[in-house]
Amino acid sequence: MLNAMENYSRKLPAELQRWQGKIKDIAQKAGLDFYETIFEMLDFNQMNEVASYLGFPTRYPHWRFGMEYEEMQKGYSYGLHRIYEMVINNDPTYAYLLESNNLVDQKLVMAHVYAHVDFFKNNTWFSHTNRHMMDEMANHATRINRYIERYGIETVENFIDSCLSLENLIDYHSPYIKRKREKTKQREYRPTIHKLASKPYMDKYVNPPEFIEQQKIKLKTRGEQKKKFPQEPEKDVLLFFLNHAPLESWQQDVLSIIREEAYYFAPQGMTKIMNEGWATFWHTKLMTEKILSDSEVIDYADHHSGTVSAQPGRLNPYKLGVELFRDIKERWDKGKFGKAYEECEDWERKEKWNKKLNLGLEKVFEVRRFYNDITFIDTFFTEEFVRKNNYFTYKYDPDSEQYKIDSRDFKKIKEKFLFSLTNMGQPFIEVMDGNYENRGELYLKHRYEGIELHRGYAQETLKNLVKLWTRPVIIETVAEDKPILFRYDGTEFMVGSIEE
């Protein structure tokens, strides 16, 4: 393991080591399948420090991590939040326990962690992640520190600032797409040079070599102008920059580091509801059935209820995730699925439906393997579930200056929910042309789906794109139901309309 880990590493006390062994054995017998998991004990300062690095003990130096640390320290000191555990998708997996937690909390956290690791190991959307990212992060830190020594902290940090502002401009689904390779090289199209009509013996006079050469140049110029660059819209903007932006070698390396880390963390954003729901489902089951003593039940119930409590104006992924997994288990145990059940319009009969199939556990393990948050919600967020759990949409009322219920309609609720999860709530941006109007300008397009780009964010993003591209950057979008262009040339930000 990394030497940096020694700065944090504290072995578990003997009692917790015994409980770790017991909980590991209980979790495995319940069907969970996880990597070797190493628990480390941290005090709250160390926990906040590691959390500011997103769980990794060694990261490249950047002011963002310091800002995160200060925010966490103040939040902890004011009693606004408390980190009970942290777990890293790595093989072996590293998990951190907070030293000040009592024994009941530590047991809960261990059960919760083993379920997380089972999810990391077995969920399809994590299958492409680097399982040795702890070492890779340290490698990234070493490389960036070398560039800081060579080019100076300000130069490197400013470039990292620009890259981090663009880290969401990746194609979240590209690791899972298998693209066919062309087996044979396509035959290059050679345009015909059109000569002036003449008799064969007059050809060299009517079509002299100078004329033929001029025609070749014209055809070549037209071909270059017509050749699309890229040939298809590119969703991975960072990859396009790595391949085509005029970056120095150290800048290319830094950008590749930012991109690699963005892809590593992407599945966690794509499965937040499922992952936390799965861990909560299993810590609840293991704690209440196998781990808790009678004297610990009240403390456990109090702390668990805080984990799954509803928060005004915010979606709690722990609560929604565990409720959906429990609903799936109940439905497949009772046979509440299939054509007959779906076509039944008698709500009272559906409520009492029970074929006693006991397929619930088998089904939740299947869901854990193949789904992400979007497919999870799309498939299992049913009208019955919404009715039972009293979900609704809300909006701000400017007259009363309060948020009010907007709709209890199932379709509207589900549609709004799925929309908020699509592309992890980020706008879809694609590279359309890397040589717009043959001027070397970058032309991007925002896939408008009813929500306009925030103009302030768009301006700052364009500034950072120009820093990397070194030429003007344009983005096509929609504002007030009309197509428009935002353009930044390095000095001036302009807005223009698109003529239909």
Protein backbone atom coordinates (compact mmCIF):
# COMPACT_ATOMS: atom_id res chain seq x y z
CA MET A 1 0.00 0.00 0.00
CA LEU A 2 1.04 3.63 -0.44
CA ASN A 3 3.38 5.20 2.10
CA ALA A 4 0.98 8.15 2.28
CA MET A 5 -1.54 5.83 3.87
CA GLU A 6 0.71 5.56 6.92
CA ASN A 7 -0.15 9.18 7.74
CA TYR A 8 -3.74 8.08 8.37
CA SER A 9 -3.54 4.38 9.12
CA ARG A 10 -4.67 3.28 12.55
CA LYS A 11 -5.57 -0.35 13.01
CA LEU A 12 -8.91 -1.19 14.52
CA PRO A 13 -9.07 -1.97 18.26
CA ALA A 14 -9.29 -5.66 19.10
CA GLU A 15 -13.06 -5.53 19.73
CA LEU A 16 -13.76 -3.93 16.35
CA GLN A 17 -11.46 -6.42 14.64
CA ARG A 18 -13.54 -9.23 16.11
CA TRP A 19 -16.75 -7.57 14.94
CA GLN A 20 -15.31 -6.99 11.49
CA GLY A 21 -14.68 -10.72 11.16
CA LYS A 22 -18.19 -11.55 12.36
CA ILE A 23 -19.90 -9.02 10.09
CA LYS A 24 -17.82 -10.11 7.10
CA ASP A 25 -18.88 -13.72 7.68
CA ILE A 26 -22.56 -12.75 8.11
CA ALA A 27 -22.50 -10.62 4.94
CA GLN A 28 -20.93 -13.40 2.86
CA LYS A 29 -23.44 -15.97 4.10
CA ALA A 30 -26.23 -13.55 3.14
CA GLY A 31 -24.94 -13.63 -0.45
CA LEU A 32 -22.84 -10.46 -0.66
CA ASP A 33 -19.69 -10.78 -2.77
CA PHE A 34 -16.97 -8.20 -2.13
CA TYR A 35 -13.26 -7.48 -2.47
CA GLU A 36 -10.94 -7.73 0.49
CA THR A 37 -11.90 -4.75 2.64
CA ILE A 38 -9.41 -2.97 4.90
CA PHE A 39 -10.85 -0.71 7.61
CA GLU A 40 -8.83 2.19 9.00
CA MET A 41 -9.67 4.31 12.05
CA LEU A 42 -9.48 8.12 11.65
CA ASP A 43 -10.22 11.07 13.91
CA PHE A 44 -12.55 13.75 12.57
CA ASN A 45 -9.70 15.98 11.28
CA GLN A 46 -8.22 13.09 9.31
CA MET A 47 -11.66 12.03 8.09
CA ASN A 48 -12.40 15.52 6.79
CA GLU A 49 -8.99 15.69 5.13
CA VAL A 50 -9.50 12.39 3.31
CA ALA A 51 -13.08 13.36 2.45
CA SER A 52 -11.87 16.62 0.88
CA TYR A 53 -9.74 14.44 -1.43
CA LEU A 54 -12.87 12.36 -2.23
CA GLY A 55 -11.56 9.49 -0.13
CA PHE A 56 -8.01 9.25 -1.45
CA PRO A 57 -5.09 9.97 0.90
CA THR A 58 -2.89 11.30 -1.91
CA ARG A 59 -4.08 13.77 -4.56
CA TYR A 60 -2.47 16.47 -6.66
CA PRO A 61 -2.25 19.86 -4.91
CA HIS A 62 -5.09 22.25 -5.69
CA TRP A 63 -6.92 24.97 -3.76
CA ARG A 64 -10.28 23.21 -4.33
CA PHE A 65 -9.33 20.43 -1.91
CA GLY A 66 -8.36 22.97 0.75
CA MET A 67 -11.67 24.77 0.32
CA GLU A 68 -13.56 21.47 0.71
CA TYR A 69 -11.60 20.70 3.87
CA GLU A 70 -12.37 24.08 5.46
CA GLU A 71 -16.06 23.69 4.64
CA MET A 72 -16.16 20.23 6.23
CA GLN A 73 -14.27 21.37 9.31
CA LYS A 74 -16.71 24.23 9.90
CA GLY A 75 -19.69 21.99 9.21
CA TYR A 76 -18.46 19.49 11.78
CA SER A 77 -17.62 22.12 14.42
CA TYR A 78 -21.07 23.75 14.02
CA GLY A 79 -22.81 20.38 14.15
CA LEU A 80 -24.19 20.72 10.62
CA HIS A 81 -22.89 17.40 9.35
CA ARG A 82 -20.85 14.40 10.36
CA ILE A 83 -19.14 11.81 8.18
CA TYR A 84 -19.67 8.35 9.66
CA GLU A 85 -17.83 6.37 6.99
CA MET A 86 -16.10 6.51 3.66
CA VAL A 87 -15.36 3.68 1.24
CA ILE A 88 -13.16 3.67 -1.88
CA ASN A 89 -13.83 1.65 -5.05
CA ASN A 90 -10.50 -0.16 -5.16
CA ASP A 91 -9.16 -3.72 -4.96
CA PRO A 92 -8.46 -4.16 -2.09
CA THR A 93 -11.11 -1.75 -0.85
CA TYR A 94 -10.25 0.81 1.81
CA ALA A 95 -12.90 2.05 4.22
CA TYR A 96 -12.53 4.62 6.98
CA LEU A 97 -14.29 4.56 10.35
CA LEU A 98 -14.70 7.66 12.51
CA GLU A 99 -12.90 7.17 15.81
CA SER A 100 -15.57 8.91 17.90
CA ASN A 101 -18.42 6.64 16.74
CA ASN A 102 -19.86 4.28 19.33
CA LEU A 103 -19.87 0.51 18.85
CA VAL A 104 -23.40 0.38 17.38
CA ASP A 105 -22.47 2.95 14.73
CA GLN A 106 -19.27 1.09 13.86
CA LYS A 107 -21.21 -2.14 13.36
CA LEU A 108 -23.75 -0.35 11.17
CA VAL A 109 -20.99 1.26 9.11
CA MET A 110 -19.17 -2.04 8.55
CA ALA A 111 -22.36 -3.73 7.32
CA HIS A 112 -23.08 -0.69 5.13
CA VAL A 113 -19.53 -0.74 3.70
CA TYR A 114 -19.59 -4.44 2.78
CA ALA A 115 -22.78 -3.83 0.78
CA HIS A 116 -21.15 -0.87 -0.99
CA VAL A 117 -18.17 -3.02 -1.94
CA ASP A 118 -20.49 -5.74 -3.22
CA PHE A 119 -22.11 -3.08 -5.41
CA PHE A 120 -18.75 -1.76 -6.68
CA LYS A 121 -17.60 -5.27 -7.56
CA ASN A 122 -20.76 -6.56 -9.23
CA ASN A 123 -22.66 -3.64 -10.77
CA THR A 124 -22.15 -3.49 -14.55
CA TRP A 125 -21.67 0.28 -14.55
CA PHE A 126 -18.53 -0.07 -12.40
CA SER A 127 -17.04 -2.81 -14.59
CA HIS A 128 -14.77 -0.40 -16.51
CA THR A 129 -13.40 1.48 -13.51
CA ASN A 130 -9.75 1.23 -12.50
CA ARG A 131 -9.62 -1.16 -9.53
CA HIS A 132 -6.20 0.16 -8.51
CA MET A 133 -7.17 3.82 -8.40
CA MET A 134 -5.54 4.40 -5.01
CA ASP A 135 -2.14 3.87 -6.64
CA GLU A 136 -3.19 5.72 -9.81
CA MET A 137 -4.21 8.82 -7.84
CA ALA A 138 -0.80 8.87 -6.17
CA ASN A 139 0.79 8.55 -9.61
CA HIS A 140 -1.27 11.52 -10.83
CA ALA A 141 -0.10 13.56 -7.84
CA THR A 142 3.55 12.74 -8.58
CA ARG A 143 3.26 13.78 -12.22
CA ILE A 144 1.53 17.06 -11.45
CA ASN A 145 4.03 17.89 -8.69
CA ARG A 146 6.81 17.47 -11.27
CA TYR A 147 5.09 19.98 -13.56
CA ILE A 148 4.72 22.40 -10.65
CA GLU A 149 8.45 22.17 -9.97
CA ARG A 150 9.19 22.78 -13.65
CA TYR A 151 6.59 25.41 -14.62
CA GLY A 152 5.53 26.94 -11.29
CA ILE A 153 2.50 26.49 -9.04
CA GLU A 154 0.52 29.40 -10.51
CA THR A 155 0.86 28.25 -14.13
CA VAL A 156 -0.08 24.65 -13.39
CA GLU A 157 -2.87 25.49 -10.95
CA ASN A 158 -4.46 27.97 -13.38
CA PHE A 159 -4.45 25.30 -16.07
CA ILE A 160 -5.99 22.77 -13.66
CA ASP A 161 -8.69 25.37 -12.87
CA SER A 162 -9.61 25.51 -16.55
CA CYS A 163 -9.62 21.71 -16.88
CA LEU A 164 -11.75 21.17 -13.77
CA SER A 165 -14.38 23.60 -15.05
CA LEU A 166 -14.72 21.32 -18.10
CA GLU A 167 -14.55 17.92 -16.35
CA ASN A 168 -18.25 17.24 -16.95
CA LEU A 169 -17.80 17.52 -20.74
CA ILE A 170 -17.30 13.79 -21.20
CA ASP A 171 -19.45 11.03 -22.68
CA TYR A 172 -20.65 9.13 -19.61
CA HIS A 173 -21.76 6.13 -21.69
CA SER A 174 -18.70 5.79 -23.94
CA PRO A 175 -16.93 3.15 -21.78
CA TYR A 176 -19.87 0.80 -22.34
CA ILE A 177 -20.18 1.21 -26.12
CA LYS A 178 -18.43 -1.35 -28.31
CA ARG A 179 -17.60 0.28 -31.62
CA LYS A 180 -16.91 -1.86 -34.67
CA ARG A 181 -13.51 -1.49 -36.24
CA GLU A 182 -13.33 -1.15 -39.99
CA LYS A 183 -11.80 -4.36 -41.34
CA THR A 184 -10.72 -2.83 -44.62
CA LYS A 185 -9.62 0.66 -45.33
CA GLN A 186 -12.27 2.53 -47.23
CA ARG A 187 -11.31 3.38 -50.74
CA GLU A 188 -10.47 7.04 -50.93
CA TYR A 189 -12.72 9.05 -53.18
CA ARG A 190 -10.73 10.89 -55.85
CA PRO A 191 -12.69 13.69 -57.50
CA THR A 192 -12.41 14.00 -61.26
CA ILE A 193 -10.75 17.05 -62.77
CA HIS A 194 -13.10 18.46 -65.37
CA LYS A 195 -11.15 19.54 -68.45
CA LEU A 196 -12.37 21.96 -71.09
CA ALA A 197 -13.76 20.22 -74.16
CA SER A 198 -11.21 19.93 -76.96
CA LYS A 199 -9.90 17.69 -79.70
CA PRO A 200 -7.17 15.30 -78.49
CA TYR A 201 -4.45 17.05 -80.51
CA MET A 202 -5.52 20.44 -79.02
CA ASP A 203 -5.77 19.25 -75.41
CA LYS A 204 -2.36 20.46 -74.29
CA TYR A 205 -3.21 23.93 -75.57
CA VAL A 206 -6.80 24.13 -74.27
CA ASN A 207 -5.96 22.41 -70.95
CA PRO A 208 -2.34 23.42 -70.24
CA PRO A 209 -0.51 22.04 -67.15
CA GLU A 210 -1.03 25.35 -65.32
CA PHE A 211 -4.82 25.03 -65.73
CA ILE A 212 -4.81 21.40 -64.54
CA GLU A 213 -2.77 22.37 -61.47
CA GLN A 214 -5.20 25.17 -60.63
CA GLN A 215 -8.11 22.73 -60.85
CA LYS A 216 -6.32 20.29 -58.52
CA ILE A 217 -5.78 23.06 -55.95
CA LYS A 218 -9.45 24.08 -56.15
CA LEU A 219 -10.61 20.50 -55.69
CA LYS A 220 -8.27 19.97 -52.76
CA THR A 221 -9.49 23.17 -51.09
CA ARG A 222 -13.13 22.20 -51.61
CA GLY A 223 -12.44 18.73 -50.23
CA GLU A 224 -10.82 20.13 -47.10
CA GLN A 225 -13.71 22.50 -46.58
CA LYS A 226 -16.32 19.78 -47.08
CA LYS A 227 -14.55 17.21 -44.91
CA LYS A 228 -16.29 17.30 -41.55
CA PHE A 229 -14.09 17.63 -38.51
CA PRO A 230 -15.09 15.64 -36.54
CA GLN A 231 -17.00 13.45 -38.98
CA GLU A 232 -19.67 12.74 -36.33
CA PRO A 233 -20.67 14.92 -33.34
CA GLU A 234 -18.28 14.20 -30.46
CA LYS A 235 -19.78 14.03 -26.96
CA ASP A 236 -16.43 13.58 -25.23
CA VAL A 237 -15.21 17.18 -25.50
CA LEU A 238 -12.14 16.48 -23.36
CA LEU A 239 -11.07 13.65 -25.68
CA PHE A 240 -11.47 15.97 -28.67
CA PHE A 241 -9.24 18.53 -26.95
CA LEU A 242 -6.63 15.88 -26.14
CA ASN A 243 -6.51 14.91 -29.81
CA HIS A 244 -6.79 18.30 -31.46
CA ALA A 245 -6.18 21.26 -29.12
CA PRO A 246 -2.75 22.95 -29.42
CA LEU A 247 -1.59 21.88 -25.96
CA GLU A 248 1.94 21.44 -24.67
CA SER A 249 2.86 17.90 -23.63
CA TRP A 250 2.52 18.66 -19.90
CA GLN A 251 -0.88 20.25 -20.50
CA GLN A 252 -2.03 17.20 -22.42
CA ASP A 253 -0.97 15.00 -19.53
CA VAL A 254 -2.78 17.14 -16.94
CA LEU A 255 -5.95 17.18 -19.05
CA SER A 256 -5.76 13.40 -19.47
CA ILE A 257 -5.49 13.07 -15.66
CA ILE A 258 -8.59 15.22 -15.12
CA ARG A 259 -10.48 13.21 -17.75
CA GLU A 260 -9.40 9.83 -16.34
CA GLU A 261 -10.52 10.81 -12.84
CA ALA A 262 -13.84 12.15 -14.18
CA TYR A 263 -14.55 8.78 -15.80
CA TYR A 264 -13.56 6.96 -12.59
CA PHE A 265 -16.07 8.93 -10.51
CA ALA A 266 -18.83 8.92 -13.16
CA PRO A 267 -20.43 5.54 -12.21
CA GLN A 268 -20.82 6.77 -8.63
CA GLY A 269 -22.95 9.65 -9.90
CA MET A 270 -24.86 7.35 -12.25
CA THR A 271 -25.80 4.94 -9.42
CA LYS A 272 -26.03 7.17 -6.34
CA ILE A 273 -29.62 6.21 -5.47
CA MET A 274 -29.07 2.50 -6.12
CA ASN A 275 -25.71 2.30 -4.37
CA GLU A 276 -26.86 4.02 -1.18
CA GLY A 277 -30.18 2.18 -1.29
CA TRP A 278 -28.40 -1.18 -1.64
CA ALA A 279 -26.05 -0.45 1.26
CA THR A 280 -28.94 0.72 3.45
CA PHE A 281 -31.08 -2.29 2.48
CA TRP A 282 -28.33 -4.66 3.59
CA HIS A 283 -27.14 -2.87 6.72
CA THR A 284 -30.79 -2.83 7.88
CA LYS A 285 -31.28 -6.52 7.14
CA LEU A 286 -27.98 -7.67 8.66
CA MET A 287 -28.19 -5.44 11.73
CA THR A 288 -31.78 -6.32 12.66
CA GLU A 289 -31.52 -10.04 11.90
CA LYS A 290 -27.96 -10.99 12.91
CA ILE A 291 -25.81 -8.29 14.48
CA LEU A 292 -27.67 -6.15 17.04
CA SER A 293 -27.97 -7.05 20.69
CA ASP A 294 -31.21 -6.20 22.51
CA SER A 295 -29.59 -3.28 24.33
CA GLU A 296 -28.44 -1.70 21.05
CA VAL A 297 -31.78 -1.61 19.23
CA ILE A 298 -32.87 1.86 20.40
CA ASP A 299 -29.54 3.51 19.51
CA TYR A 300 -29.51 1.77 16.14
CA ALA A 301 -33.10 2.81 15.34
CA ASP A 302 -32.33 6.41 16.28
CA HIS A 303 -29.23 6.64 14.07
CA HIS A 304 -30.74 4.67 11.17
CA SER A 305 -33.82 6.93 11.14
CA GLY A 306 -31.53 9.93 10.71
CA THR A 307 -29.94 8.27 7.68
CA VAL A 308 -33.25 7.70 5.88
CA SER A 309 -35.13 10.79 7.06
CA ALA A 310 -36.80 13.01 4.47
CA GLN A 311 -35.28 16.47 4.09
CA PRO A 312 -37.40 19.45 2.96
CA GLY A 313 -36.65 20.36 -0.65
CA ARG A 314 -34.06 17.61 -1.10
CA LEU A 315 -34.14 14.03 -2.28
CA ASN A 316 -32.54 11.59 0.15
CA PRO A 317 -30.92 8.83 -2.00
CA TYR A 318 -30.65 6.52 1.03
CA LYS A 319 -34.40 6.74 1.66
CA LEU A 320 -35.59 6.43 -1.94
CA GLY A 321 -33.09 3.69 -2.78
CA VAL A 322 -33.89 1.46 0.19
CA GLU A 323 -37.65 1.94 -0.25
CA LEU A 324 -37.41 0.88 -3.89
CA PHE A 325 -35.30 -2.20 -3.11
CA ARG A 326 -37.76 -3.20 -0.37
CA ASP A 327 -40.65 -2.68 -2.76
CA ILE A 328 -38.96 -4.83 -5.42
CA LYS A 329 -38.33 -7.61 -2.90
CA GLU A 330 -41.93 -7.53 -1.70
CA ARG A 331 -43.35 -7.51 -5.24
CA TRP A 332 -41.26 -10.45 -6.43
CA ASP A 333 -41.91 -12.36 -3.20
CA LYS A 334 -45.67 -11.93 -3.75
CA GLY A 335 -45.67 -12.22 -7.55
CA LYS A 336 -46.73 -8.60 -8.10
CA PHE A 337 -45.33 -8.47 -11.63
CA GLY A 338 -46.11 -9.77 -15.10
CA LYS A 339 -48.96 -9.30 -17.54
CA ALA A 340 -51.82 -10.42 -15.29
CA TYR A 341 -50.77 -8.09 -12.48
CA GLU A 342 -50.09 -5.11 -14.75
CA GLU A 343 -53.44 -5.44 -16.52
CA CYS A 344 -55.42 -5.74 -13.30
CA GLU A 345 -57.33 -2.49 -12.70
CA ASP A 346 -58.74 -3.43 -9.29
CA TRP A 347 -56.50 -1.56 -6.81
CA GLU A 348 -57.87 -3.46 -3.82
CA ARG A 349 -57.15 -6.80 -5.48
CA LYS A 350 -53.63 -5.70 -6.44
CA GLU A 351 -53.00 -4.62 -2.86
CA LYS A 352 -53.85 -8.12 -1.59
CA TRP A 353 -52.07 -9.93 -4.46
CA ASN A 354 -49.80 -12.71 -3.15
CA LYS A 355 -48.68 -15.77 -5.11
CA LYS A 356 -45.97 -16.56 -2.51
CA LEU A 357 -43.21 -16.93 -5.12
CA ASN A 358 -40.41 -15.81 -2.76
CA LEU A 359 -38.29 -14.50 -5.64
CA GLY A 360 -37.50 -11.19 -3.94
CA LEU A 361 -33.85 -11.71 -3.00
CA GLU A 362 -33.04 -13.22 -6.37
CA LYS A 363 -34.59 -10.19 -8.06
CA VAL A 364 -32.80 -7.53 -5.99
CA PHE A 365 -29.43 -9.17 -6.74
CA GLU A 366 -30.31 -9.11 -10.44
CA VAL A 367 -31.26 -5.43 -10.24
CA ARG A 368 -28.03 -4.64 -8.38
CA ARG A 369 -26.02 -6.15 -11.22
CA PHE A 370 -27.58 -4.59 -14.31
CA TYR A 371 -29.27 -1.26 -13.51
CA ASN A 372 -28.22 2.35 -13.03
CA ASP A 373 -30.32 5.11 -11.44
CA ILE A 374 -32.15 6.03 -14.65
CA THR A 375 -33.12 2.46 -15.59
CA PHE A 376 -33.82 1.71 -11.91
CA ILE A 377 -36.29 4.59 -11.61
CA ASP A 378 -37.74 4.04 -15.07
CA THR A 379 -38.48 0.37 -14.34
CA PHE A 380 -39.42 0.23 -10.66
CA PHE A 381 -40.72 3.72 -9.77
CA THR A 382 -44.33 2.63 -10.27
CA GLU A 383 -47.66 4.36 -9.76
CA GLU A 384 -48.36 2.11 -6.77
CA PHE A 385 -45.00 3.07 -5.24
CA VAL A 386 -45.65 6.79 -5.76
CA ARG A 387 -49.12 6.51 -4.23
CA LYS A 388 -47.86 4.51 -1.23
CA ASN A 389 -44.96 6.89 -0.51
CA ASN A 390 -46.81 10.13 -1.23
CA TYR A 391 -44.47 11.61 -3.86
CA PHE A 392 -45.26 14.90 -5.62
CA THR A 393 -43.56 17.68 -7.59
CA TYR A 394 -43.28 21.23 -6.30
CA LYS A 395 -42.44 24.67 -7.63
CA TYR A 396 -41.80 28.16 -6.34
CA ASP A 397 -44.82 30.47 -6.07
CA PRO A 398 -43.64 34.10 -6.46
CA ASP A 399 -46.91 35.47 -5.01
CA SER A 400 -46.59 33.70 -1.67
CA GLU A 401 -42.77 33.47 -1.91
CA GLN A 402 -43.03 29.81 -0.92
CA TYR A 403 -42.62 26.42 -2.54
CA LYS A 404 -45.95 24.69 -3.18
CA ILE A 405 -47.11 21.32 -4.48
CA ASP A 406 -47.24 21.48 -8.26
CA SER A 407 -48.57 18.05 -9.18
CA ARG A 408 -49.36 14.59 -7.82
CA ASP A 409 -49.76 13.16 -11.30
CA PHE A 410 -47.64 10.01 -11.56
CA LYS A 411 -46.48 10.60 -15.14
CA LYS A 412 -45.39 14.17 -14.42
CA ILE A 413 -43.56 13.12 -11.26
CA LYS A 414 -41.70 10.31 -13.01
CA GLU A 415 -40.91 12.42 -16.07
CA LYS A 416 -39.47 15.24 -13.97
CA PHE A 417 -37.49 12.77 -11.87
CA LEU A 418 -35.97 11.00 -14.88
CA PHE A 419 -35.14 14.33 -16.50
CA SER A 420 -33.20 15.41 -13.41
CA LEU A 421 -31.13 12.20 -13.59
CA THR A 422 -30.40 12.28 -17.33
CA ASN A 423 -26.70 12.97 -17.99
CA MET A 424 -26.43 13.40 -14.19
CA GLY A 425 -28.26 16.71 -14.48
CA GLN A 426 -25.58 18.18 -16.75
CA PRO A 427 -26.28 19.79 -20.15
CA PHE A 428 -25.52 17.72 -23.26
CA ILE A 429 -22.71 19.43 -25.19
CA GLU A 430 -21.24 18.08 -28.43
CA VAL A 431 -18.39 19.15 -30.71
CA MET A 432 -19.87 19.79 -34.15
CA ASP A 433 -16.95 21.40 -35.99
CA GLY A 434 -13.31 21.93 -35.08
CA ASN A 435 -12.68 24.18 -38.07
CA TYR A 436 -15.82 26.27 -38.24
CA GLU A 437 -16.06 28.25 -41.49
CA ASN A 438 -12.46 27.18 -42.17
CA ARG A 439 -11.16 29.59 -39.50
CA GLY A 440 -9.99 27.08 -36.88
CA GLU A 441 -12.85 28.06 -34.58
CA LEU A 442 -14.57 25.48 -32.37
CA TYR A 443 -18.32 25.02 -32.84
CA LEU A 444 -20.25 23.29 -30.06
CA LYS A 445 -23.94 22.51 -29.80
CA HIS A 446 -26.09 22.30 -26.69
CA ARG A 447 -28.84 19.71 -26.95
CA TYR A 448 -31.75 21.80 -25.74
CA GLU A 449 -34.36 19.85 -23.77
CA GLY A 450 -36.43 22.62 -22.22
CA ILE A 451 -33.85 24.12 -19.85
CA GLU A 452 -31.72 27.03 -21.04
CA LEU A 453 -28.00 27.25 -20.38
CA HIS A 454 -27.16 29.49 -17.45
CA ARG A 455 -25.62 32.47 -19.22
CA GLY A 456 -23.08 33.22 -16.50
CA TYR A 457 -21.86 29.61 -16.39
CA ALA A 458 -21.81 29.50 -20.20
CA GLN A 459 -19.58 32.57 -20.36
CA GLU A 460 -17.10 31.21 -17.83
CA THR A 461 -17.03 27.83 -19.57
CA LEU A 462 -16.40 29.46 -22.95
CA LYS A 463 -13.50 31.43 -21.45
CA ASN A 464 -11.86 28.22 -20.26
CA LEU A 465 -12.53 26.48 -23.57
CA VAL A 466 -10.80 29.33 -25.39
CA LYS A 467 -7.80 29.07 -23.05
CA LEU A 468 -7.33 25.47 -24.17
CA TRP A 469 -8.38 25.83 -27.83
CA THR A 470 -6.58 29.21 -28.30
CA ARG A 471 -9.12 30.18 -30.98
CA PRO A 472 -12.70 31.53 -30.71
CA VAL A 473 -15.31 29.09 -29.43
CA ILE A 474 -19.00 29.14 -30.36
CA ILE A 475 -21.88 27.25 -28.81
CA GLU A 476 -25.30 26.88 -30.36
CA THR A 477 -28.20 26.76 -27.91
CA VAL A 478 -31.77 27.96 -27.40
CA ALA A 479 -32.96 30.97 -25.39
CA GLU A 480 -36.57 32.13 -25.16
CA ASP A 481 -37.50 29.39 -27.65
CA LYS A 482 -35.17 30.81 -30.31
CA PRO A 483 -31.87 29.30 -31.53
CA ILE A 484 -28.91 31.52 -30.68
CA LEU A 485 -25.11 31.46 -30.67
CA PHE A 486 -22.80 32.34 -27.79
CA ARG A 487 -19.31 33.27 -28.99
CA TYR A 488 -16.13 34.15 -27.15
CA ASP A 489 -12.95 35.13 -28.95
CA GLY A 490 -10.67 35.64 -25.96
CA THR A 491 -11.62 39.25 -25.35
CA GLU A 492 -15.32 39.72 -26.06
CA PHE A 493 -18.42 37.64 -25.36
CA MET A 494 -21.08 37.94 -28.08
CA VAL A 495 -24.61 36.65 -28.56
CA GLY A 496 -26.07 36.24 -32.04
CA SER A 497 -29.22 34.84 -33.59
CA ILE A 498 -29.32 31.97 -36.06
CA GLU A 499 -31.11 32.72 -39.28
CA GLU A 500 -33.62 30.02 -40.12
